[in-house]
Amino acid sequence: MYAEQIDVISYSGNKGDERPVTFILRGLRIDVMEITDRWIEEGSEDRMRKRFFRIKGSDGNTHRIYFDEDVLAWYYAS
């Protein structure tokens, strides 16, 4: 999986960065129109957690992004 770090504006509830609202991908601002799927992956050896989101963006495309809880950063996954 290729991953590129991105800037994300997220809804922050009582659990911190809970879900993405807008993200910047290669200079293009994309608003999240709908979250179509979400899941958590955890490494079996290192126990690192990543929260994945499949979203429909304002650009008309479907995107997959995730929040890496170990480094507290958002990534675009392809």
C-alpha atoms as a PDB file:
ATOM      1  CA  MET A   1       0.000   0.000   0.000  1.00  0.00           C
ATOM      2  CA  TYR A   2       1.280   3.444  -0.936  1.00  0.00           C
ATOM      3  CA  ALA A   3       0.585   6.134   1.684  1.00  0.00           C
ATOM      4  CA  GLU A   4       1.034   9.894   1.407  1.00  0.00           C
ATOM      5  CA  GLN A   5       0.782  12.179   4.433  1.00  0.00           C
ATOM      6  CA  ILE A   6      -2.013  14.743   4.064  1.00  0.00           C
ATOM      7  CA  ASP A   7      -3.509  17.650   5.983  1.00  0.00           C
ATOM      8  CA  VAL A   8      -6.972  16.948   7.361  1.00  0.00           C
ATOM      9  CA  ILE A   9      -9.576  19.072   9.079  1.00  0.00           C
ATOM     10  CA  SER A  10     -11.441  16.676  11.304  1.00  0.00           C
ATOM     11  CA  TYR A  11     -14.370  16.637  13.645  1.00  0.00           C
ATOM     12  CA  SER A  12     -12.874  16.440  17.117  1.00  0.00           C
ATOM     13  CA  GLY A  13     -15.177  15.019  19.720  1.00  0.00           C
ATOM     14  CA  ASN A  14     -14.343  13.635  23.127  1.00  0.00           C
ATOM     15  CA  LYS A  15     -12.085  11.001  21.501  1.00  0.00           C
ATOM     16  CA  GLY A  16      -9.880  13.463  19.600  1.00  0.00           C
ATOM     17  CA  ASP A  17      -9.782  13.368  15.780  1.00  0.00           C
ATOM     18  CA  GLU A  18     -12.884  11.244  15.263  1.00  0.00           C
ATOM     19  CA  ARG A  19     -13.649  11.666  11.552  1.00  0.00           C
ATOM     20  CA  PRO A  20     -12.408  13.667   8.567  1.00  0.00           C
ATOM     21  CA  VAL A  21     -14.375  16.672   7.301  1.00  0.00           C
ATOM     22  CA  THR A  22     -11.985  18.097   4.678  1.00  0.00           C
ATOM     23  CA  PHE A  23      -8.543  17.123   3.409  1.00  0.00           C
ATOM     24  CA  ILE A  24      -5.883  18.562   1.129  1.00  0.00           C
ATOM     25  CA  LEU A  25      -4.514  16.227  -1.542  1.00  0.00           C
ATOM     26  CA  ARG A  26      -1.700  17.600  -3.706  1.00  0.00           C
ATOM     27  CA  GLY A  27      -2.961  21.162  -3.268  1.00  0.00           C
ATOM     28  CA  LEU A  28      -6.635  20.336  -3.903  1.00  0.00           C
ATOM     29  CA  ARG A  29      -9.132  20.868  -1.083  1.00  0.00           C
ATOM     30  CA  ILE A  30     -11.632  17.989  -0.956  1.00  0.00           C
ATOM     31  CA  ASP A  31     -14.656  18.087   1.326  1.00  0.00           C
ATOM     32  CA  VAL A  32     -16.008  14.817   2.692  1.00  0.00           C
ATOM     33  CA  MET A  33     -19.509  14.402   1.289  1.00  0.00           C
ATOM     34  CA  GLU A  34     -20.138  10.946   2.781  1.00  0.00           C
ATOM     35  CA  ILE A  35     -18.236   8.333   4.785  1.00  0.00           C
ATOM     36  CA  THR A  36     -19.165   5.061   3.083  1.00  0.00           C
ATOM     37  CA  ASP A  37     -17.068   2.736   5.259  1.00  0.00           C
ATOM     38  CA  ARG A  38     -14.780   2.848   8.274  1.00  0.00           C
ATOM     39  CA  TRP A  39     -12.644   0.264  10.011  1.00  0.00           C
ATOM     40  CA  ILE A  40      -9.646  -0.156  12.321  1.00  0.00           C
ATOM     41  CA  GLU A  41      -6.519  -2.143  11.488  1.00  0.00           C
ATOM     42  CA  GLU A  42      -4.104  -3.137  14.223  1.00  0.00           C
ATOM     43  CA  GLY A  43      -0.691  -4.699  13.688  1.00  0.00           C
ATOM     44  CA  SER A  44      -0.420  -8.170  15.203  1.00  0.00           C
ATOM     45  CA  GLU A  45       3.177  -7.659  16.329  1.00  0.00           C
ATOM     46  CA  ASP A  46       3.520  -3.935  16.981  1.00  0.00           C
ATOM     47  CA  ARG A  47      -0.141  -3.265  17.996  1.00  0.00           C
ATOM     48  CA  MET A  48      -0.122   0.021  16.005  1.00  0.00           C
ATOM     49  CA  ARG A  49      -3.662   1.156  15.196  1.00  0.00           C
ATOM     50  CA  LYS A  50      -4.852   2.853  12.036  1.00  0.00           C
ATOM     51  CA  ARG A  51      -8.402   4.167  11.600  1.00  0.00           C
ATOM     52  CA  PHE A  52      -9.430   3.926   7.941  1.00  0.00           C
ATOM     53  CA  PHE A  53     -12.216   5.840   6.169  1.00  0.00           C
ATOM     54  CA  ARG A  54     -13.583   5.287   2.667  1.00  0.00           C
ATOM     55  CA  ILE A  55     -15.209   8.529   1.611  1.00  0.00           C
ATOM     56  CA  LYS A  56     -16.979  10.198  -1.282  1.00  0.00           C
ATOM     57  CA  GLY A  57     -15.294  13.511  -1.912  1.00  0.00           C
ATOM     58  CA  SER A  58     -16.565  16.807  -3.298  1.00  0.00           C
ATOM     59  CA  ASP A  59     -14.409  16.078  -6.364  1.00  0.00           C
ATOM     60  CA  GLY A  60     -16.747  13.188  -7.250  1.00  0.00           C
ATOM     61  CA  ASN A  61     -14.200  10.474  -6.443  1.00  0.00           C
ATOM     62  CA  THR A  62     -13.986   7.815  -3.761  1.00  0.00           C
ATOM     63  CA  HIS A  63     -10.932   8.099  -1.507  1.00  0.00           C
ATOM     64  CA  ARG A  64      -9.383   6.023   1.257  1.00  0.00           C
ATOM     65  CA  ILE A  65      -7.620   7.882   4.057  1.00  0.00           C
ATOM     66  CA  TYR A  66      -6.499   6.844   7.506  1.00  0.00           C
ATOM     67  CA  PHE A  67      -5.353   8.228  10.841  1.00  0.00           C
ATOM     68  CA  ASP A  68      -2.230   6.596  12.288  1.00  0.00           C
ATOM     69  CA  GLU A  69      -2.709   6.672  16.056  1.00  0.00           C
ATOM     70  CA  ASP A  70       0.972   5.939  16.706  1.00  0.00           C
ATOM     71  CA  VAL A  71       2.311   9.074  14.977  1.00  0.00           C
ATOM     72  CA  LEU A  72      -0.929  11.120  15.183  1.00  0.00           C
ATOM     73  CA  ALA A  73      -0.983  11.882  11.455  1.00  0.00           C
ATOM     74  CA  TRP A  74      -3.388  11.454   8.532  1.00  0.00           C
ATOM     75  CA  TYR A  75      -2.487   9.606   5.299  1.00  0.00           C
ATOM     76  CA  TYR A  76      -3.971   9.090   1.844  1.00  0.00           C
ATOM     77  CA  ALA A  77      -3.901   5.401   0.947  1.00  0.00           C
ATOM     78  CA  SER A  78      -3.937   4.012  -2.562  1.00  0.00           C
END
